[in-house]
Amino acid sequence: MQPITQMLLVTLALSTSAFAADNQLTENEREAGWVLLFDGKTTQGWMSPKSEPIDATHVQDGGLNPHPCNYMLVHEKVLENYKLSVDFKISPKCNSGIFVRTFPLLPRPGKDIGFNGIEIAIDDTTTAGFHDTGAIYDLVSPARNAMKPVGDWNHIVITSDRNLLTIELNGDNVNRIDFDEWPEPNKRPDGSAHKFDVAYKSHSRKGYIGLQDHGSDCWYKNIKVLPMK
């Protein structure tokens, strides 16, 4: 082998050593304390909101698709203060979302389990309203809709840290909420109304992560969490 060819191969190996295959952790991620929540092959660690096992058919080509299920797939661990890193891909007319701080799993009478958590919306839209991708659903609209076209993979990082929740989508900081500023149910800090009869200042700051099924295919992979103190 020619020296220059050998040097190119070494350089290539070094440049790719920080990256892992889908649904795996890099060495740097493991050292930093990241935890993999989906292995890309099984539904291990995931369940229904009733804490029941879920069908393996939800695993599709290395992604976890919550459709169809009973509202959401839930990871079994209760988490508090963390970064959640996820790649997702939508289908046409998709309506889905990532839930955090879902607690408890038992819905209140007359309400669905969505009232027990916080949803980060994922939808096939191009606008930036309260129900568009990157929105903290019906609470805070995103600064912009940074989602890629249908069929492309997106990368989202959700940081849940005490009173704060921040959203980064495809490298853009698109949303933020300070729950200490939300003391009244059905009312945003600016006085406008929202649908949830929840005073978010006192809402649980721990809970389950959920992937919502709202009648559309949506695939999630590389689901990783970094616990924070």
C-alpha atoms as a PDB file:
ATOM      1  CA  MET A   1       0.000   0.000   0.000  1.00  0.00           C
ATOM      2  CA  GLN A   2       1.297   3.431  -0.911  1.00  0.00           C
ATOM      3  CA  PRO A   3       2.052   5.686   2.119  1.00  0.00           C
ATOM      4  CA  ILE A   4      -0.354   8.382   0.935  1.00  0.00           C
ATOM      5  CA  THR A   5      -3.175   5.843   0.556  1.00  0.00           C
ATOM      6  CA  GLN A   6      -2.498   4.480   4.023  1.00  0.00           C
ATOM      7  CA  MET A   7      -2.571   7.991   5.468  1.00  0.00           C
ATOM      8  CA  LEU A   8      -5.933   8.675   3.809  1.00  0.00           C
ATOM      9  CA  LEU A   9      -7.402   5.498   5.284  1.00  0.00           C
ATOM     10  CA  VAL A  10      -6.166   6.391   8.774  1.00  0.00           C
ATOM     11  CA  THR A  11      -7.559   9.894   8.451  1.00  0.00           C
ATOM     12  CA  LEU A  12     -10.910   8.509   7.326  1.00  0.00           C
ATOM     13  CA  ALA A  13     -10.999   6.074  10.230  1.00  0.00           C
ATOM     14  CA  LEU A  14     -10.239   8.842  12.715  1.00  0.00           C
ATOM     15  CA  SER A  15     -12.855  11.164  11.216  1.00  0.00           C
ATOM     16  CA  THR A  16     -15.602   8.529  11.524  1.00  0.00           C
ATOM     17  CA  SER A  17     -14.654   7.137  14.943  1.00  0.00           C
ATOM     18  CA  ALA A  18     -16.904   9.678  16.696  1.00  0.00           C
ATOM     19  CA  PHE A  19     -19.998   8.413  14.870  1.00  0.00           C
ATOM     20  CA  ALA A  20     -22.035   5.318  15.642  1.00  0.00           C
ATOM     21  CA  ALA A  21     -24.371   3.297  13.494  1.00  0.00           C
ATOM     22  CA  ASP A  22     -28.074   3.855  13.985  1.00  0.00           C
ATOM     23  CA  ASN A  23     -29.426   2.989  17.438  1.00  0.00           C
ATOM     24  CA  GLN A  24     -25.997   2.670  18.994  1.00  0.00           C
ATOM     25  CA  LEU A  25     -23.919   4.907  21.247  1.00  0.00           C
ATOM     26  CA  THR A  26     -20.520   6.251  20.337  1.00  0.00           C
ATOM     27  CA  GLU A  27     -17.660   5.770  22.764  1.00  0.00           C
ATOM     28  CA  ASN A  28     -17.811   9.486  23.571  1.00  0.00           C
ATOM     29  CA  GLU A  29     -21.541   9.258  24.293  1.00  0.00           C
ATOM     30  CA  ARG A  30     -21.065   6.290  26.603  1.00  0.00           C
ATOM     31  CA  GLU A  31     -18.324   8.119  28.483  1.00  0.00           C
ATOM     32  CA  ALA A  32     -20.528  11.198  28.804  1.00  0.00           C
ATOM     33  CA  GLY A  33     -23.356   9.100  30.309  1.00  0.00           C
ATOM     34  CA  TRP A  34     -25.839   8.891  27.444  1.00  0.00           C
ATOM     35  CA  VAL A  35     -28.313   5.988  27.634  1.00  0.00           C
ATOM     36  CA  LEU A  36     -29.849   4.305  24.578  1.00  0.00           C
ATOM     37  CA  LEU A  37     -33.635   3.881  24.892  1.00  0.00           C
ATOM     38  CA  PHE A  38     -34.281   1.957  21.652  1.00  0.00           C
ATOM     39  CA  ASP A  39     -32.056  -0.793  20.237  1.00  0.00           C
ATOM     40  CA  GLY A  40     -33.492  -0.623  16.716  1.00  0.00           C
ATOM     41  CA  LYS A  41     -34.523  -4.281  16.766  1.00  0.00           C
ATOM     42  CA  THR A  42     -36.970  -4.871  19.618  1.00  0.00           C
ATOM     43  CA  THR A  43     -39.525  -3.049  21.737  1.00  0.00           C
ATOM     44  CA  GLN A  44     -37.527  -3.752  24.892  1.00  0.00           C
ATOM     45  CA  GLY A  45     -38.095  -0.959  27.396  1.00  0.00           C
ATOM     46  CA  TRP A  46     -41.278   0.272  25.721  1.00  0.00           C
ATOM     47  CA  MET A  47     -44.871  -0.336  26.751  1.00  0.00           C
ATOM     48  CA  SER A  48     -48.433   0.935  26.442  1.00  0.00           C
ATOM     49  CA  PRO A  49     -49.735   3.646  28.812  1.00  0.00           C
ATOM     50  CA  LYS A  50     -51.361   0.786  30.711  1.00  0.00           C
ATOM     51  CA  SER A  51     -47.883  -0.721  31.283  1.00  0.00           C
ATOM     52  CA  GLU A  52     -48.667  -3.570  28.894  1.00  0.00           C
ATOM     53  CA  PRO A  53     -46.205  -5.078  26.369  1.00  0.00           C
ATOM     54  CA  ILE A  54     -46.361  -3.703  22.828  1.00  0.00           C
ATOM     55  CA  ASP A  55     -46.312  -5.546  19.523  1.00  0.00           C
ATOM     56  CA  ALA A  56     -42.968  -6.041  17.791  1.00  0.00           C
ATOM     57  CA  THR A  57     -44.534  -4.808  14.532  1.00  0.00           C
ATOM     58  CA  HIS A  58     -43.896  -1.271  15.804  1.00  0.00           C
ATOM     59  CA  VAL A  59     -40.210  -1.818  14.933  1.00  0.00           C
ATOM     60  CA  GLN A  60     -39.836  -1.001  11.228  1.00  0.00           C
ATOM     61  CA  ASP A  61     -36.497  -0.750   9.391  1.00  0.00           C
ATOM     62  CA  GLY A  62     -34.618   0.333  12.485  1.00  0.00           C
ATOM     63  CA  GLY A  63     -37.262   2.837  13.562  1.00  0.00           C
ATOM     64  CA  LEU A  64     -39.981   2.762  16.206  1.00  0.00           C
ATOM     65  CA  ASN A  65     -43.401   3.634  14.760  1.00  0.00           C
ATOM     66  CA  PRO A  66     -46.134   4.282  17.335  1.00  0.00           C
ATOM     67  CA  HIS A  67     -48.915   3.921  14.741  1.00  0.00           C
ATOM     68  CA  PRO A  68     -51.229   2.212  15.362  1.00  0.00           C
ATOM     69  CA  CYS A  69     -51.377   2.014  19.154  1.00  0.00           C
ATOM     70  CA  ASN A  70     -53.433   3.262  22.061  1.00  0.00           C
ATOM     71  CA  TYR A  71     -52.437   6.954  21.849  1.00  0.00           C
ATOM     72  CA  MET A  72     -48.711   6.576  22.610  1.00  0.00           C
ATOM     73  CA  LEU A  73     -45.813   4.224  23.164  1.00  0.00           C
ATOM     74  CA  VAL A  74     -44.223   4.886  26.548  1.00  0.00           C
ATOM     75  CA  HIS A  75     -40.688   4.229  27.725  1.00  0.00           C
ATOM     76  CA  GLU A  76     -40.666   2.370  31.030  1.00  0.00           C
ATOM     77  CA  LYS A  77     -38.342   4.743  32.936  1.00  0.00           C
ATOM     78  CA  VAL A  78     -39.467   7.789  34.872  1.00  0.00           C
ATOM     79  CA  LEU A  79     -36.970  10.547  34.089  1.00  0.00           C
ATOM     80  CA  GLU A  80     -36.210  13.950  35.587  1.00  0.00           C
ATOM     81  CA  ASN A  81     -33.722  16.548  34.293  1.00  0.00           C
ATOM     82  CA  TYR A  82     -32.231  15.259  31.051  1.00  0.00           C
ATOM     83  CA  LYS A  83     -31.456  15.839  27.396  1.00  0.00           C
ATOM     84  CA  LEU A  84     -33.417  13.693  24.957  1.00  0.00           C
ATOM     85  CA  SER A  85     -31.939  13.257  21.486  1.00  0.00           C
ATOM     86  CA  VAL A  86     -34.111  11.701  18.758  1.00  0.00           C
ATOM     87  CA  ASP A  87     -34.154  11.338  14.977  1.00  0.00           C
ATOM     88  CA  PHE A  88     -37.595  11.204  13.365  1.00  0.00           C
ATOM     89  CA  LYS A  89     -39.166  10.930   9.915  1.00  0.00           C
ATOM     90  CA  ILE A  90     -42.774  11.753   9.073  1.00  0.00           C
ATOM     91  CA  SER A  91     -45.279  10.431   6.550  1.00  0.00           C
ATOM     92  CA  PRO A  92     -47.569  12.657   4.439  1.00  0.00           C
ATOM     93  CA  LYS A  93     -50.233  14.394   6.558  1.00  0.00           C
ATOM     94  CA  CYS A  94     -48.469  13.145   9.690  1.00  0.00           C
ATOM     95  CA  ASN A  95     -49.769  14.053  13.126  1.00  0.00           C
ATOM     96  CA  SER A  96     -47.542  12.843  15.949  1.00  0.00           C
ATOM     97  CA  GLY A  97     -45.511  14.175  18.840  1.00  0.00           C
ATOM     98  CA  ILE A  98     -42.999  13.446  21.576  1.00  0.00           C
ATOM     99  CA  PHE A  99     -44.315  13.555  25.130  1.00  0.00           C
ATOM    100  CA  VAL A 100     -42.199  14.369  28.168  1.00  0.00           C
ATOM    101  CA  ARG A 101     -43.023  14.700  31.868  1.00  0.00           C
ATOM    102  CA  THR A 102     -46.010  12.379  31.430  1.00  0.00           C
ATOM    103  CA  PHE A 103     -47.024  11.559  34.990  1.00  0.00           C
ATOM    104  CA  PRO A 104     -48.857   9.609  36.175  1.00  0.00           C
ATOM    105  CA  LEU A 105     -49.877   7.177  33.442  1.00  0.00           C
ATOM    106  CA  LEU A 106     -53.437   6.947  34.730  1.00  0.00           C
ATOM    107  CA  PRO A 107     -55.582   9.523  32.877  1.00  0.00           C
ATOM    108  CA  ARG A 108     -57.931  11.757  34.807  1.00  0.00           C
ATOM    109  CA  PRO A 109     -61.646  10.993  34.342  1.00  0.00           C
ATOM    110  CA  GLY A 110     -62.853  12.371  31.026  1.00  0.00           C
ATOM    111  CA  LYS A 111     -59.328  13.302  29.845  1.00  0.00           C
ATOM    112  CA  ASP A 112     -56.802  11.514  27.676  1.00  0.00           C
ATOM    113  CA  ILE A 113     -53.302  10.860  28.944  1.00  0.00           C
ATOM    114  CA  GLY A 114     -52.020  13.848  26.974  1.00  0.00           C
ATOM    115  CA  PHE A 115     -53.278  16.082  29.796  1.00  0.00           C
ATOM    116  CA  ASN A 116     -50.733  14.369  32.095  1.00  0.00           C
ATOM    117  CA  GLY A 117     -47.690  15.399  30.049  1.00  0.00           C
ATOM    118  CA  ILE A 118     -46.139  17.958  27.736  1.00  0.00           C
ATOM    119  CA  GLU A 119     -46.220  17.342  23.977  1.00  0.00           C
ATOM    120  CA  ILE A 120     -43.675  18.573  21.460  1.00  0.00           C
ATOM    121  CA  ALA A 121     -45.678  18.579  18.234  1.00  0.00           C
ATOM    122  CA  ILE A 122     -44.565  16.787  15.052  1.00  0.00           C
ATOM    123  CA  ASP A 123     -46.814  17.462  12.068  1.00  0.00           C
ATOM    124  CA  ASP A 124     -46.713  17.629   8.274  1.00  0.00           C
ATOM    125  CA  THR A 125     -47.018  21.414   8.061  1.00  0.00           C
ATOM    126  CA  THR A 126     -44.855  24.360   7.033  1.00  0.00           C
ATOM    127  CA  THR A 127     -46.263  26.990   9.388  1.00  0.00           C
ATOM    128  CA  ALA A 128     -45.111  27.813  12.919  1.00  0.00           C
ATOM    129  CA  GLY A 129     -48.202  27.869  15.095  1.00  0.00           C
ATOM    130  CA  PHE A 130     -49.231  26.246  18.350  1.00  0.00           C
ATOM    131  CA  HIS A 131     -49.804  22.854  16.648  1.00  0.00           C
ATOM    132  CA  ASP A 132     -46.851  22.752  14.220  1.00  0.00           C
ATOM    133  CA  THR A 133     -43.571  20.866  14.480  1.00  0.00           C
ATOM    134  CA  GLY A 134     -41.457  22.245  17.303  1.00  0.00           C
ATOM    135  CA  ALA A 135     -44.430  23.688  19.155  1.00  0.00           C
ATOM    136  CA  ILE A 136     -44.947  22.923  22.808  1.00  0.00           C
ATOM    137  CA  TYR A 137     -48.418  21.809  21.883  1.00  0.00           C
ATOM    138  CA  ASP A 138     -51.081  24.486  22.376  1.00  0.00           C
ATOM    139  CA  LEU A 139     -48.806  26.324  24.820  1.00  0.00           C
ATOM    140  CA  VAL A 140     -45.886  27.919  22.927  1.00  0.00           C
ATOM    141  CA  SER A 141     -45.440  28.178  19.166  1.00  0.00           C
ATOM    142  CA  PRO A 142     -41.941  27.649  17.710  1.00  0.00           C
ATOM    143  CA  ALA A 143     -39.797  30.543  16.522  1.00  0.00           C
ATOM    144  CA  ARG A 144     -39.736  28.845  13.112  1.00  0.00           C
ATOM    145  CA  ASN A 145     -40.691  25.547  11.495  1.00  0.00           C
ATOM    146  CA  ALA A 146     -37.263  23.994  10.980  1.00  0.00           C
ATOM    147  CA  MET A 147     -38.520  20.576   9.877  1.00  0.00           C
ATOM    148  CA  LYS A 148     -37.199  18.906   6.732  1.00  0.00           C
ATOM    149  CA  PRO A 149     -39.522  17.627   3.968  1.00  0.00           C
ATOM    150  CA  VAL A 150     -41.565  14.445   4.287  1.00  0.00           C
ATOM    151  CA  GLY A 151     -39.299  11.409   3.990  1.00  0.00           C
ATOM    152  CA  ASP A 152     -36.159  13.113   5.343  1.00  0.00           C
ATOM    153  CA  TRP A 153     -34.784  12.378   8.782  1.00  0.00           C
ATOM    154  CA  ASN A 154     -34.898  15.191  11.344  1.00  0.00           C
ATOM    155  CA  HIS A 155     -32.908  15.595  14.544  1.00  0.00           C
ATOM    156  CA  ILE A 156     -34.500  16.990  17.685  1.00  0.00           C
ATOM    157  CA  VAL A 157     -32.992  17.636  21.121  1.00  0.00           C
ATOM    158  CA  ILE A 158     -35.367  18.253  24.021  1.00  0.00           C
ATOM    159  CA  THR A 159     -33.876  19.509  27.283  1.00  0.00           C
ATOM    160  CA  SER A 160     -36.083  19.057  30.337  1.00  0.00           C
ATOM    161  CA  ASP A 161     -34.355  20.843  33.221  1.00  0.00           C
ATOM    162  CA  ARG A 162     -36.416  21.680  36.294  1.00  0.00           C
ATOM    163  CA  ASN A 163     -38.659  24.646  35.389  1.00  0.00           C
ATOM    164  CA  LEU A 164     -37.295  24.895  31.828  1.00  0.00           C
ATOM    165  CA  LEU A 165     -38.015  22.994  28.641  1.00  0.00           C
ATOM    166  CA  THR A 166     -36.103  23.864  25.453  1.00  0.00           C
ATOM    167  CA  ILE A 167     -36.364  22.483  21.915  1.00  0.00           C
ATOM    168  CA  GLU A 168     -33.637  22.300  19.279  1.00  0.00           C
ATOM    169  CA  LEU A 169     -34.696  21.102  15.816  1.00  0.00           C
ATOM    170  CA  ASN A 170     -32.153  20.372  13.085  1.00  0.00           C
ATOM    171  CA  GLY A 171     -29.630  22.593  14.839  1.00  0.00           C
ATOM    172  CA  ASP A 172     -31.996  25.552  15.395  1.00  0.00           C
ATOM    173  CA  ASN A 173     -33.153  26.627  18.856  1.00  0.00           C
ATOM    174  CA  VAL A 174     -36.859  26.841  18.117  1.00  0.00           C
ATOM    175  CA  ASN A 175     -38.706  26.842  21.438  1.00  0.00           C
ATOM    176  CA  ARG A 176     -38.484  27.433  25.171  1.00  0.00           C
ATOM    177  CA  ILE A 177     -40.874  27.499  28.118  1.00  0.00           C
ATOM    178  CA  ASP A 178     -40.360  28.475  31.752  1.00  0.00           C
ATOM    179  CA  PHE A 179     -43.061  26.658  33.667  1.00  0.00           C
ATOM    180  CA  ASP A 180     -42.631  28.954  36.669  1.00  0.00           C
ATOM    181  CA  GLU A 181     -44.358  31.596  34.511  1.00  0.00           C
ATOM    182  CA  TRP A 182     -47.510  29.435  34.114  1.00  0.00           C
ATOM    183  CA  PRO A 183     -49.415  29.549  37.450  1.00  0.00           C
ATOM    184  CA  GLU A 184     -52.963  29.374  36.068  1.00  0.00           C
ATOM    185  CA  PRO A 185     -54.836  26.595  34.234  1.00  0.00           C
ATOM    186  CA  ASN A 186     -56.098  27.296  30.687  1.00  0.00           C
ATOM    187  CA  LYS A 187     -54.102  30.530  30.486  1.00  0.00           C
ATOM    188  CA  ARG A 188     -50.768  31.495  28.948  1.00  0.00           C
ATOM    189  CA  PRO A 189     -48.599  34.139  30.645  1.00  0.00           C
ATOM    190  CA  ASP A 190     -49.868  36.741  28.121  1.00  0.00           C
ATOM    191  CA  GLY A 191     -53.458  36.044  29.202  1.00  0.00           C
ATOM    192  CA  SER A 192     -54.515  34.121  26.085  1.00  0.00           C
ATOM    193  CA  ALA A 193     -56.332  30.820  26.513  1.00  0.00           C
ATOM    194  CA  HIS A 194     -55.079  27.282  25.892  1.00  0.00           C
ATOM    195  CA  LYS A 195     -56.888  23.951  26.137  1.00  0.00           C
ATOM    196  CA  PHE A 196     -55.271  22.409  29.222  1.00  0.00           C
ATOM    197  CA  ASP A 197     -56.799  22.790  32.690  1.00  0.00           C
ATOM    198  CA  VAL A 198     -53.328  22.487  34.193  1.00  0.00           C
ATOM    199  CA  ALA A 199     -51.322  24.999  36.233  1.00  0.00           C
ATOM    200  CA  TYR A 200     -47.939  24.128  34.731  1.00  0.00           C
ATOM    201  CA  LYS A 201     -45.994  25.842  37.493  1.00  0.00           C
ATOM    202  CA  SER A 202     -47.022  22.942  39.723  1.00  0.00           C
ATOM    203  CA  HIS A 203     -47.030  20.234  37.017  1.00  0.00           C
ATOM    204  CA  SER A 204     -44.762  17.229  37.571  1.00  0.00           C
ATOM    205  CA  ARG A 205     -41.149  17.842  36.527  1.00  0.00           C
ATOM    206  CA  LYS A 206     -40.501  14.151  36.174  1.00  0.00           C
ATOM    207  CA  GLY A 207     -42.323  11.576  34.111  1.00  0.00           C
ATOM    208  CA  TYR A 208     -42.398   9.194  31.183  1.00  0.00           C
ATOM    209  CA  ILE A 209     -41.316   9.812  27.599  1.00  0.00           C
ATOM    210  CA  GLY A 210     -43.966   8.936  25.020  1.00  0.00           C
ATOM    211  CA  LEU A 211     -44.216   8.718  21.232  1.00  0.00           C
ATOM    212  CA  GLN A 212     -47.690   9.711  20.103  1.00  0.00           C
ATOM    213  CA  ASP A 213     -49.940   7.934  17.650  1.00  0.00           C
ATOM    214  CA  HIS A 214     -52.536  10.288  16.218  1.00  0.00           C
ATOM    215  CA  GLY A 215     -53.474   8.229  13.163  1.00  0.00           C
ATOM    216  CA  SER A 216     -50.312   8.603  11.071  1.00  0.00           C
ATOM    217  CA  ASP A 217     -47.018   6.814  10.539  1.00  0.00           C
ATOM    218  CA  CYS A 218     -43.993   8.470  12.120  1.00  0.00           C
ATOM    219  CA  TRP A 219     -40.668   6.747  12.685  1.00  0.00           C
ATOM    220  CA  TYR A 220     -38.258   7.401  15.554  1.00  0.00           C
ATOM    221  CA  LYS A 221     -34.682   6.157  15.906  1.00  0.00           C
ATOM    222  CA  ASN A 222     -31.465   6.987  17.774  1.00  0.00           C
ATOM    223  CA  ILE A 223     -33.515   7.669  20.907  1.00  0.00           C
ATOM    224  CA  LYS A 224     -30.927   8.645  23.503  1.00  0.00           C
ATOM    225  CA  VAL A 225     -31.120  10.369  26.875  1.00  0.00           C
ATOM    226  CA  LEU A 226     -28.453  12.117  28.930  1.00  0.00           C
ATOM    227  CA  PRO A 227     -29.441  12.360  32.612  1.00  0.00           C
ATOM    228  CA  MET A 228     -28.625  15.708  34.236  1.00  0.00           C
ATOM    229  CA  LYS A 229     -28.178  16.542  37.907  1.00  0.00           C
END
